[in-house]
Amino acid sequence: MKRMNIIRMAVLLAFIARPLAAWLAPSAFAQGGGALRAVFMYPAQMTWKECRRLWGMNVNATEAGKGRTFYSYNNRHLDVLVDPDGKVISLGLY
């Protein structure tokens, strides 16, 4: 449960940081329409096993090179990149 709270906090911070980033670099946001399209997180210690326990196995799996696997959830706006040892490299929320 603690890990889920950390993920929720990261998403919340990303939505708070977007207006600040737009204020600091308005030209970068003007070109892209200013919409936040995705949030990427790089957990220090998370495994694919934990992801399956939290969010299930309704995924499409694709080989990503270097032995990595890219999992895209069919029922969530969530992508997970996993290394050959089963450790999560990144989580993408879109």
PDB file of N, CA and C in Angstrom:
ATOM      1  N   MET A   1       0.824  -1.195   0.000  1.00  0.00           N
ATOM      2  CA  MET A   1       0.000   0.000   0.000  1.00  0.00           C
ATOM      3  C   MET A   1       0.867   1.257   0.000  1.00  0.00           C
ATOM      4  N   LYS A   2       1.998   1.206   0.680  1.00  0.00           N
ATOM      5  CA  LYS A   2       2.879   2.367   0.742  1.00  0.00           C
ATOM      6  C   LYS A   2       3.371   2.735  -0.659  1.00  0.00           C
ATOM      7  N   ARG A   3       3.705   1.720  -1.477  1.00  0.00           N
ATOM      8  CA  ARG A   3       4.188   1.968  -2.839  1.00  0.00           C
ATOM      9  C   ARG A   3       3.108   2.676  -3.668  1.00  0.00           C
ATOM     10  N   MET A   4       1.851   2.267  -3.513  1.00  0.00           N
ATOM     11  CA  MET A   4       0.760   2.895  -4.255  1.00  0.00           C
ATOM     12  C   MET A   4       0.626   4.366  -3.860  1.00  0.00           C
ATOM     13  N   ASN A   5       0.790   4.664  -2.581  1.00  0.00           N
ATOM     14  CA  ASN A   5       0.728   6.056  -2.122  1.00  0.00           C
ATOM     15  C   ASN A   5       1.859   6.880  -2.720  1.00  0.00           C
ATOM     16  N   ILE A   6       3.044   6.285  -2.857  1.00  0.00           N
ATOM     17  CA  ILE A   6       4.179   6.988  -3.461  1.00  0.00           C
ATOM     18  C   ILE A   6       3.875   7.290  -4.924  1.00  0.00           C
ATOM     19  N   ILE A   7       3.290   6.333  -5.629  1.00  0.00           N
ATOM     20  CA  ILE A   7       2.950   6.534  -7.039  1.00  0.00           C
ATOM     21  C   ILE A   7       1.894   7.629  -7.175  1.00  0.00           C
ATOM     22  N   ARG A   8       0.894   7.599  -6.324  1.00  0.00           N
ATOM     23  CA  ARG A   8      -0.141   8.649  -6.368  1.00  0.00           C
ATOM     24  C   ARG A   8       0.469  10.031  -6.108  1.00  0.00           C
ATOM     25  N   MET A   9       1.392  10.114  -5.166  1.00  0.00           N
ATOM     26  CA  MET A   9       2.041  11.385  -4.857  1.00  0.00           C
ATOM     27  C   MET A   9       2.868  11.867  -6.046  1.00  0.00           C
ATOM     28  N   ALA A  10       3.554  10.963  -6.728  1.00  0.00           N
ATOM     29  CA  ALA A  10       4.347  11.354  -7.894  1.00  0.00           C
ATOM     30  C   ALA A  10       3.459  11.915  -8.992  1.00  0.00           C
ATOM     31  N   VAL A  11       2.316  11.304  -9.217  1.00  0.00           N
ATOM     32  CA  VAL A  11       1.380  11.803 -10.241  1.00  0.00           C
ATOM     33  C   VAL A  11       0.850  13.175  -9.838  1.00  0.00           C
ATOM     34  N   LEU A  12       0.478  13.324  -8.588  1.00  0.00           N
ATOM     35  CA  LEU A  12      -0.016  14.617  -8.103  1.00  0.00           C
ATOM     36  C   LEU A  12       1.042  15.705  -8.266  1.00  0.00           C
ATOM     37  N   LEU A  13       2.280  15.403  -7.912  1.00  0.00           N
ATOM     38  CA  LEU A  13       3.362  16.375  -8.069  1.00  0.00           C
ATOM     39  C   LEU A  13       3.580  16.743  -9.531  1.00  0.00           C
ATOM     40  N   ALA A  14       3.422  15.776 -10.421  1.00  0.00           N
ATOM     41  CA  ALA A  14       3.586  16.062 -11.849  1.00  0.00           C
ATOM     42  C   ALA A  14       2.530  17.051 -12.328  1.00  0.00           C
ATOM     43  N   PHE A  15       1.310  16.906 -11.852  1.00  0.00           N
ATOM     44  CA  PHE A  15       0.257  17.832 -12.264  1.00  0.00           C
ATOM     45  C   PHE A  15       0.442  19.216 -11.645  1.00  0.00           C
ATOM     46  N   ILE A  16       1.030  19.272 -10.469  1.00  0.00           N
ATOM     47  CA  ILE A  16       1.331  20.559  -9.847  1.00  0.00           C
ATOM     48  C   ILE A  16       2.519  21.223 -10.546  1.00  0.00           C
ATOM     49  N   ALA A  17       3.514  20.416 -10.919  1.00  0.00           N
ATOM     50  CA  ALA A  17       4.734  20.948 -11.526  1.00  0.00           C
ATOM     51  C   ALA A  17       4.507  21.475 -12.940  1.00  0.00           C
ATOM     52  N   ARG A  18       3.526  20.956 -13.656  1.00  0.00           N
ATOM     53  CA  ARG A  18       3.295  21.376 -15.040  1.00  0.00           C
ATOM     54  C   ARG A  18       3.048  22.871 -15.170  1.00  0.00           C
ATOM     55  N   PRO A  19       2.139  23.462 -14.375  1.00  0.00           N
ATOM     56  CA  PRO A  19       1.961  24.916 -14.494  1.00  0.00           C
ATOM     57  C   PRO A  19       3.219  25.706 -14.147  1.00  0.00           C
ATOM     58  N   LEU A  20       3.991  25.204 -13.177  1.00  0.00           N
ATOM     59  CA  LEU A  20       5.241  25.871 -12.825  1.00  0.00           C
ATOM     60  C   LEU A  20       6.219  25.798 -13.991  1.00  0.00           C
ATOM     61  N   ALA A  21       6.333  24.641 -14.629  1.00  0.00           N
ATOM     62  CA  ALA A  21       7.222  24.494 -15.787  1.00  0.00           C
ATOM     63  C   ALA A  21       6.752  25.379 -16.936  1.00  0.00           C
ATOM     64  N   ALA A  22       5.446  25.500 -17.125  1.00  0.00           N
ATOM     65  CA  ALA A  22       4.909  26.357 -18.184  1.00  0.00           C
ATOM     66  C   ALA A  22       5.247  27.821 -17.908  1.00  0.00           C
ATOM     67  N   TRP A  23       5.251  28.191 -16.644  1.00  0.00           N
ATOM     68  CA  TRP A  23       5.581  29.569 -16.297  1.00  0.00           C
ATOM     69  C   TRP A  23       7.079  29.827 -16.498  1.00  0.00           C
ATOM     70  N   LEU A  24       7.911  28.822 -16.166  1.00  0.00           N
ATOM     71  CA  LEU A  24       9.355  28.992 -16.305  1.00  0.00           C
ATOM     72  C   LEU A  24       9.822  28.943 -17.762  1.00  0.00           C
ATOM     73  N   ALA A  25       9.150  28.154 -18.600  1.00  0.00           N
ATOM     74  CA  ALA A  25       9.544  27.997 -20.004  1.00  0.00           C
ATOM     75  C   ALA A  25       8.305  28.058 -20.898  1.00  0.00           C
ATOM     76  N   PRO A  26       7.687  29.238 -20.995  1.00  0.00           N
ATOM     77  CA  PRO A  26       6.420  29.340 -21.727  1.00  0.00           C
ATOM     78  C   PRO A  26       6.538  28.988 -23.206  1.00  0.00           C
ATOM     79  N   SER A  27       7.670  29.244 -23.834  1.00  0.00           N
ATOM     80  CA  SER A  27       7.784  28.953 -25.269  1.00  0.00           C
ATOM     81  C   SER A  27       7.736  27.448 -25.536  1.00  0.00           C
ATOM     82  N   ALA A  28       8.276  26.650 -24.634  1.00  0.00           N
ATOM     83  CA  ALA A  28       8.249  25.189 -24.808  1.00  0.00           C
ATOM     84  C   ALA A  28       6.820  24.665 -24.735  1.00  0.00           C
ATOM     85  N   PHE A  29       5.994  25.242 -23.873  1.00  0.00           N
ATOM     86  CA  PHE A  29       4.617  24.781 -23.749  1.00  0.00           C
ATOM     87  C   PHE A  29       3.734  25.351 -24.845  1.00  0.00           C
ATOM     88  N   ALA A  30       4.066  26.521 -25.348  1.00  0.00           N
ATOM     89  CA  ALA A  30       3.267  27.121 -26.422  1.00  0.00           C
ATOM     90  C   ALA A  30       3.349  26.279 -27.690  1.00  0.00           C
ATOM     91  N   GLN A  31       4.494  25.702 -27.954  1.00  0.00           N
ATOM     92  CA  GLN A  31       4.657  24.881 -29.151  1.00  0.00           C
ATOM     93  C   GLN A  31       3.868  23.586 -29.059  1.00  0.00           C
ATOM     94  N   GLY A  32       3.775  22.999 -27.908  1.00  0.00           N
ATOM     95  CA  GLY A  32       3.115  21.713 -27.753  1.00  0.00           C
ATOM     96  C   GLY A  32       1.674  21.806 -27.299  1.00  0.00           C
ATOM     97  N   GLY A  33       1.110  22.962 -27.199  1.00  0.00           N
ATOM     98  CA  GLY A  33      -0.264  23.105 -26.762  1.00  0.00           C
ATOM     99  C   GLY A  33      -0.435  23.142 -25.254  1.00  0.00           C
ATOM    100  N   GLY A  34       0.627  22.883 -24.513  1.00  0.00           N
ATOM    101  CA  GLY A  34       0.584  23.016 -23.064  1.00  0.00           C
ATOM    102  C   GLY A  34      -0.108  21.895 -22.325  1.00  0.00           C
ATOM    103  N   ALA A  35      -0.447  20.804 -22.980  1.00  0.00           N
ATOM    104  CA  ALA A  35      -1.137  19.719 -22.303  1.00  0.00           C
ATOM    105  C   ALA A  35      -0.138  18.682 -21.779  1.00  0.00           C
ATOM    106  N   LEU A  36      -0.347  18.268 -20.555  1.00  0.00           N
ATOM    107  CA  LEU A  36       0.465  17.204 -19.986  1.00  0.00           C
ATOM    108  C   LEU A  36      -0.072  15.884 -20.526  1.00  0.00           C
ATOM    109  N   ARG A  37       0.756  15.146 -21.242  1.00  0.00           N
ATOM    110  CA  ARG A  37       0.295  13.929 -21.912  1.00  0.00           C
ATOM    111  C   ARG A  37       0.710  12.649 -21.190  1.00  0.00           C
ATOM    112  N   ALA A  38       1.788  12.682 -20.461  1.00  0.00           N
ATOM    113  CA  ALA A  38       2.266  11.478 -19.785  1.00  0.00           C
ATOM    114  C   ALA A  38       3.124  11.846 -18.587  1.00  0.00           C
ATOM    115  N   VAL A  39       3.177  10.933 -17.640  1.00  0.00           N
ATOM    116  CA  VAL A  39       4.029  11.070 -16.470  1.00  0.00           C
ATOM    117  C   VAL A  39       4.860   9.797 -16.399  1.00  0.00           C
ATOM    118  N   PHE A  40       6.178   9.946 -16.290  1.00  0.00           N
ATOM    119  CA  PHE A  40       7.068   8.798 -16.188  1.00  0.00           C
ATOM    120  C   PHE A  40       7.711   8.788 -14.811  1.00  0.00           C
ATOM    121  N   MET A  41       7.766   7.594 -14.233  1.00  0.00           N
ATOM    122  CA  MET A  41       8.381   7.416 -12.925  1.00  0.00           C
ATOM    123  C   MET A  41       9.428   6.322 -13.030  1.00  0.00           C
ATOM    124  N   TYR A  42      10.467   6.452 -12.251  1.00  0.00           N
ATOM    125  CA  TYR A  42      11.570   5.508 -12.265  1.00  0.00           C
ATOM    126  C   TYR A  42      11.771   4.986 -10.836  1.00  0.00           C
ATOM    127  N   PRO A  43      10.975   3.973 -10.453  1.00  0.00           N
ATOM    128  CA  PRO A  43      11.045   3.493  -9.068  1.00  0.00           C
ATOM    129  C   PRO A  43      12.396   2.844  -8.762  1.00  0.00           C
ATOM    130  N   ALA A  44      12.906   3.120  -7.580  1.00  0.00           N
ATOM    131  CA  ALA A  44      14.202   2.583  -7.185  1.00  0.00           C
ATOM    132  C   ALA A  44      14.134   1.084  -6.936  1.00  0.00           C
ATOM    133  N   GLN A  45      13.059   0.627  -6.354  1.00  0.00           N
ATOM    134  CA  GLN A  45      12.931  -0.799  -6.034  1.00  0.00           C
ATOM    135  C   GLN A  45      11.490  -1.231  -6.268  1.00  0.00           C
ATOM    136  N   MET A  46      11.221  -1.738  -7.454  1.00  0.00           N
ATOM    137  CA  MET A  46       9.901  -2.284  -7.764  1.00  0.00           C
ATOM    138  C   MET A  46      10.104  -3.411  -8.755  1.00  0.00           C
ATOM    139  N   THR A  47       9.331  -4.464  -8.614  1.00  0.00           N
ATOM    140  CA  THR A  47       9.475  -5.606  -9.503  1.00  0.00           C
ATOM    141  C   THR A  47       8.212  -5.800 -10.339  1.00  0.00           C
ATOM    142  N   TRP A  48       8.364  -6.542 -11.423  1.00  0.00           N
ATOM    143  CA  TRP A  48       7.219  -6.857 -12.272  1.00  0.00           C
ATOM    144  C   TRP A  48       6.206  -7.685 -11.482  1.00  0.00           C
ATOM    145  N   LYS A  49       6.679  -8.509 -10.566  1.00  0.00           N
ATOM    146  CA  LYS A  49       5.792  -9.302  -9.719  1.00  0.00           C
ATOM    147  C   LYS A  49       4.880  -8.397  -8.891  1.00  0.00           C
ATOM    148  N   GLU A  50       5.429  -7.311  -8.360  1.00  0.00           N
ATOM    149  CA  GLU A  50       4.628  -6.352  -7.594  1.00  0.00           C
ATOM    150  C   GLU A  50       3.592  -5.676  -8.492  1.00  0.00           C
ATOM    151  N   CYS A  51       3.990  -5.333  -9.717  1.00  0.00           N
ATOM    152  CA  CYS A  51       3.053  -4.708 -10.664  1.00  0.00           C
ATOM    153  C   CYS A  51       1.886  -5.645 -10.955  1.00  0.00           C
ATOM    154  N   ARG A  52       2.196  -6.916 -11.186  1.00  0.00           N
ATOM    155  CA  ARG A  52       1.131  -7.897 -11.463  1.00  0.00           C
ATOM    156  C   ARG A  52       0.190  -8.011 -10.276  1.00  0.00           C
ATOM    157  N   ARG A  53       0.751  -7.982  -9.063  1.00  0.00           N
ATOM    158  CA  ARG A  53      -0.085  -8.073  -7.867  1.00  0.00           C
ATOM    159  C   ARG A  53      -0.977  -6.837  -7.721  1.00  0.00           C
ATOM    160  N   LEU A  54      -0.420  -5.661  -8.015  1.00  0.00           N
ATOM    161  CA  LEU A  54      -1.179  -4.410  -7.869  1.00  0.00           C
ATOM    162  C   LEU A  54      -2.220  -4.218  -8.964  1.00  0.00           C
ATOM    163  N   TRP A  55      -1.840  -4.487 -10.224  1.00  0.00           N
ATOM    164  CA  TRP A  55      -2.694  -4.100 -11.345  1.00  0.00           C
ATOM    165  C   TRP A  55      -3.153  -5.250 -12.236  1.00  0.00           C
ATOM    166  N   GLY A  56      -2.735  -6.473 -11.951  1.00  0.00           N
ATOM    167  CA  GLY A  56      -3.193  -7.624 -12.719  1.00  0.00           C
ATOM    168  C   GLY A  56      -2.324  -7.919 -13.933  1.00  0.00           C
ATOM    169  N   MET A  57      -2.832  -8.818 -14.785  1.00  0.00           N
ATOM    170  CA  MET A  57      -2.056  -9.295 -15.934  1.00  0.00           C
ATOM    171  C   MET A  57      -2.712  -9.014 -17.285  1.00  0.00           C
ATOM    172  N   ASN A  58      -3.651  -8.101 -17.332  1.00  0.00           N
ATOM    173  CA  ASN A  58      -4.318  -7.770 -18.593  1.00  0.00           C
ATOM    174  C   ASN A  58      -3.400  -6.847 -19.398  1.00  0.00           C
ATOM    175  N   VAL A  59      -2.341  -7.429 -20.003  1.00  0.00           N
ATOM    176  CA  VAL A  59      -1.310  -6.641 -20.676  1.00  0.00           C
ATOM    177  C   VAL A  59      -0.985  -7.204 -22.056  1.00  0.00           C
ATOM    178  N   ASN A  60      -0.425  -6.357 -22.885  1.00  0.00           N
ATOM    179  CA  ASN A  60       0.264  -6.768 -24.110  1.00  0.00           C
ATOM    180  C   ASN A  60       1.749  -6.652 -23.815  1.00  0.00           C
ATOM    181  N   ALA A  61       2.495  -7.709 -24.101  1.00  0.00           N
ATOM    182  CA  ALA A  61       3.938  -7.710 -23.849  1.00  0.00           C
ATOM    183  C   ALA A  61       4.686  -7.626 -25.171  1.00  0.00           C
ATOM    184  N   THR A  62       5.723  -6.773 -25.198  1.00  0.00           N
ATOM    185  CA  THR A  62       6.552  -6.596 -26.385  1.00  0.00           C
ATOM    186  C   THR A  62       8.014  -6.614 -25.971  1.00  0.00           C
ATOM    187  N   GLU A  63       8.837  -7.349 -26.721  1.00  0.00           N
ATOM    188  CA  GLU A  63      10.277  -7.328 -26.455  1.00  0.00           C
ATOM    189  C   GLU A  63      10.816  -5.944 -26.799  1.00  0.00           C
ATOM    190  N   ALA A  64      11.646  -5.399 -25.914  1.00  0.00           N
ATOM    191  CA  ALA A  64      12.142  -4.033 -26.081  1.00  0.00           C
ATOM    192  C   ALA A  64      13.644  -3.971 -26.324  1.00  0.00           C
ATOM    193  N   GLY A  65      14.288  -5.082 -26.593  1.00  0.00           N
ATOM    194  CA  GLY A  65      15.734  -5.056 -26.811  1.00  0.00           C
ATOM    195  C   GLY A  65      16.498  -5.154 -25.503  1.00  0.00           C
ATOM    196  N   LYS A  66      17.719  -5.645 -25.583  1.00  0.00           N
ATOM    197  CA  LYS A  66      18.602  -5.809 -24.416  1.00  0.00           C
ATOM    198  C   LYS A  66      17.955  -6.681 -23.339  1.00  0.00           C
ATOM    199  N   GLY A  67      17.052  -7.569 -23.756  1.00  0.00           N
ATOM    200  CA  GLY A  67      16.393  -8.458 -22.810  1.00  0.00           C
ATOM    201  C   GLY A  67      15.251  -7.835 -22.031  1.00  0.00           C
ATOM    202  N   ARG A  68      14.947  -6.574 -22.309  1.00  0.00           N
ATOM    203  CA  ARG A  68      13.880  -5.882 -21.591  1.00  0.00           C
ATOM    204  C   ARG A  68      12.523  -6.225 -22.200  1.00  0.00           C
ATOM    205  N   THR A  69      11.472  -6.059 -21.411  1.00  0.00           N
ATOM    206  CA  THR A  69      10.105  -6.290 -21.878  1.00  0.00           C
ATOM    207  C   THR A  69       9.267  -5.065 -21.557  1.00  0.00           C
ATOM    208  N   PHE A  70       8.452  -4.667 -22.533  1.00  0.00           N
ATOM    209  CA  PHE A  70       7.555  -3.525 -22.388  1.00  0.00           C
ATOM    210  C   PHE A  70       6.138  -4.065 -22.244  1.00  0.00           C
ATOM    211  N   TYR A  71       5.510  -3.775 -21.111  1.00  0.00           N
ATOM    212  CA  TYR A  71       4.146  -4.221 -20.856  1.00  0.00           C
ATOM    213  C   TYR A  71       3.216  -3.016 -20.931  1.00  0.00           C
ATOM    214  N   SER A  72       2.166  -3.144 -21.715  1.00  0.00           N
ATOM    215  CA  SER A  72       1.163  -2.090 -21.833  1.00  0.00           C
ATOM    216  C   SER A  72      -0.171  -2.659 -21.364  1.00  0.00           C
ATOM    217  N   TYR A  73      -0.716  -2.072 -20.312  1.00  0.00           N
ATOM    218  CA  TYR A  73      -1.989  -2.558 -19.766  1.00  0.00           C
ATOM    219  C   TYR A  73      -3.130  -2.226 -20.714  1.00  0.00           C
ATOM    220  N   ASN A  74      -3.999  -3.217 -20.934  1.00  0.00           N
ATOM    221  CA  ASN A  74      -5.157  -3.040 -21.817  1.00  0.00           C
ATOM    222  C   ASN A  74      -6.290  -2.300 -21.128  1.00  0.00           C
ATOM    223  N   ASN A  75      -6.376  -2.411 -19.817  1.00  0.00           N
ATOM    224  CA  ASN A  75      -7.489  -1.830 -19.070  1.00  0.00           C
ATOM    225  C   ASN A  75      -7.081  -0.636 -18.208  1.00  0.00           C
ATOM    226  N   ARG A  76      -5.878  -0.141 -18.398  1.00  0.00           N
ATOM    227  CA  ARG A  76      -5.382   1.014 -17.631  1.00  0.00           C
ATOM    228  C   ARG A  76      -4.532   1.882 -18.549  1.00  0.00           C
ATOM    229  N   HIS A  77      -4.322   3.103 -18.178  1.00  0.00           N
ATOM    230  CA  HIS A  77      -3.426   3.993 -18.919  1.00  0.00           C
ATOM    231  C   HIS A  77      -2.038   3.885 -18.285  1.00  0.00           C
ATOM    232  N   LEU A  78      -1.450   2.705 -18.409  1.00  0.00           N
ATOM    233  CA  LEU A  78      -0.211   2.401 -17.711  1.00  0.00           C
ATOM    234  C   LEU A  78       0.683   1.527 -18.583  1.00  0.00           C
ATOM    235  N   ASP A  79       1.952   1.906 -18.685  1.00  0.00           N
ATOM    236  CA  ASP A  79       2.981   1.125 -19.365  1.00  0.00           C
ATOM    237  C   ASP A  79       4.103   0.852 -18.374  1.00  0.00           C
ATOM    238  N   VAL A  80       4.703  -0.344 -18.479  1.00  0.00           N
ATOM    239  CA  VAL A  80       5.775  -0.733 -17.567  1.00  0.00           C
ATOM    240  C   VAL A  80       6.923  -1.309 -18.380  1.00  0.00           C
ATOM    241  N   LEU A  81       8.124  -0.791 -18.179  1.00  0.00           N
ATOM    242  CA  LEU A  81       9.324  -1.322 -18.817  1.00  0.00           C
ATOM    243  C   LEU A  81      10.106  -2.094 -17.760  1.00  0.00           C
ATOM    244  N   VAL A  82      10.421  -3.371 -18.072  1.00  0.00           N
ATOM    245  CA  VAL A  82      11.023  -4.269 -17.096  1.00  0.00           C
ATOM    246  C   VAL A  82      12.351  -4.812 -17.631  1.00  0.00           C
ATOM    247  N   ASP A  83      13.366  -4.879 -16.773  1.00  0.00           N
ATOM    248  CA  ASP A  83      14.663  -5.425 -17.190  1.00  0.00           C
ATOM    249  C   ASP A  83      14.628  -6.953 -17.177  1.00  0.00           C
ATOM    250  N   PRO A  84      15.670  -7.614 -17.676  1.00  0.00           N
ATOM    251  CA  PRO A  84      15.675  -9.085 -17.739  1.00  0.00           C
ATOM    252  C   PRO A  84      15.541  -9.782 -16.380  1.00  0.00           C
ATOM    253  N   ASP A  85      15.911  -9.102 -15.297  1.00  0.00           N
ATOM    254  CA  ASP A  85      15.818  -9.686 -13.958  1.00  0.00           C
ATOM    255  C   ASP A  85      14.453  -9.479 -13.302  1.00  0.00           C
ATOM    256  N   GLY A  86      13.521  -8.811 -14.008  1.00  0.00           N
ATOM    257  CA  GLY A  86      12.197  -8.567 -13.463  1.00  0.00           C
ATOM    258  C   GLY A  86      12.067  -7.281 -12.677  1.00  0.00           C
ATOM    259  N   LYS A  87      13.092  -6.428 -12.703  1.00  0.00           N
ATOM    260  CA  LYS A  87      13.030  -5.140 -11.995  1.00  0.00           C
ATOM    261  C   LYS A  87      12.423  -4.087 -12.926  1.00  0.00           C
ATOM    262  N   VAL A  88      11.563  -3.253 -12.367  1.00  0.00           N
ATOM    263  CA  VAL A  88      10.902  -2.204 -13.150  1.00  0.00           C
ATOM    264  C   VAL A  88      11.895  -1.082 -13.422  1.00  0.00           C
ATOM    265  N   ILE A  89      12.027  -0.741 -14.695  1.00  0.00           N
ATOM    266  CA  ILE A  89      12.878   0.380 -15.096  1.00  0.00           C
ATOM    267  C   ILE A  89      12.080   1.669 -15.056  1.00  0.00           C
ATOM    268  N   SER A  90      10.858   1.628 -15.622  1.00  0.00           N
ATOM    269  CA  SER A  90      10.021   2.828 -15.618  1.00  0.00           C
ATOM    270  C   SER A  90       8.545   2.468 -15.668  1.00  0.00           C
ATOM    271  N   LEU A  91       7.748   3.391 -15.127  1.00  0.00           N
ATOM    272  CA  LEU A  91       6.294   3.337 -15.207  1.00  0.00           C
ATOM    273  C   LEU A  91       5.861   4.561 -15.989  1.00  0.00           C
ATOM    274  N   GLY A  92       4.980   4.374 -16.934  1.00  0.00           N
ATOM    275  CA  GLY A  92       4.461   5.502 -17.706  1.00  0.00           C
ATOM    276  C   GLY A  92       2.955   5.569 -17.560  1.00  0.00           C
ATOM    277  N   LEU A  93       2.460   6.695 -17.091  1.00  0.00           N
ATOM    278  CA  LEU A  93       1.024   6.943 -17.000  1.00  0.00           C
ATOM    279  C   LEU A  93       0.653   7.925 -18.088  1.00  0.00           C
ATOM    280  N   TYR A  94      -0.383   7.618 -18.840  1.00  0.00           N
ATOM    281  CA  TYR A  94      -0.788   8.494 -19.931  1.00  0.00           C
ATOM    282  C   TYR A  94      -2.275   8.672 -19.974  1.00  0.00           C
TER     283      TYR A  94
END
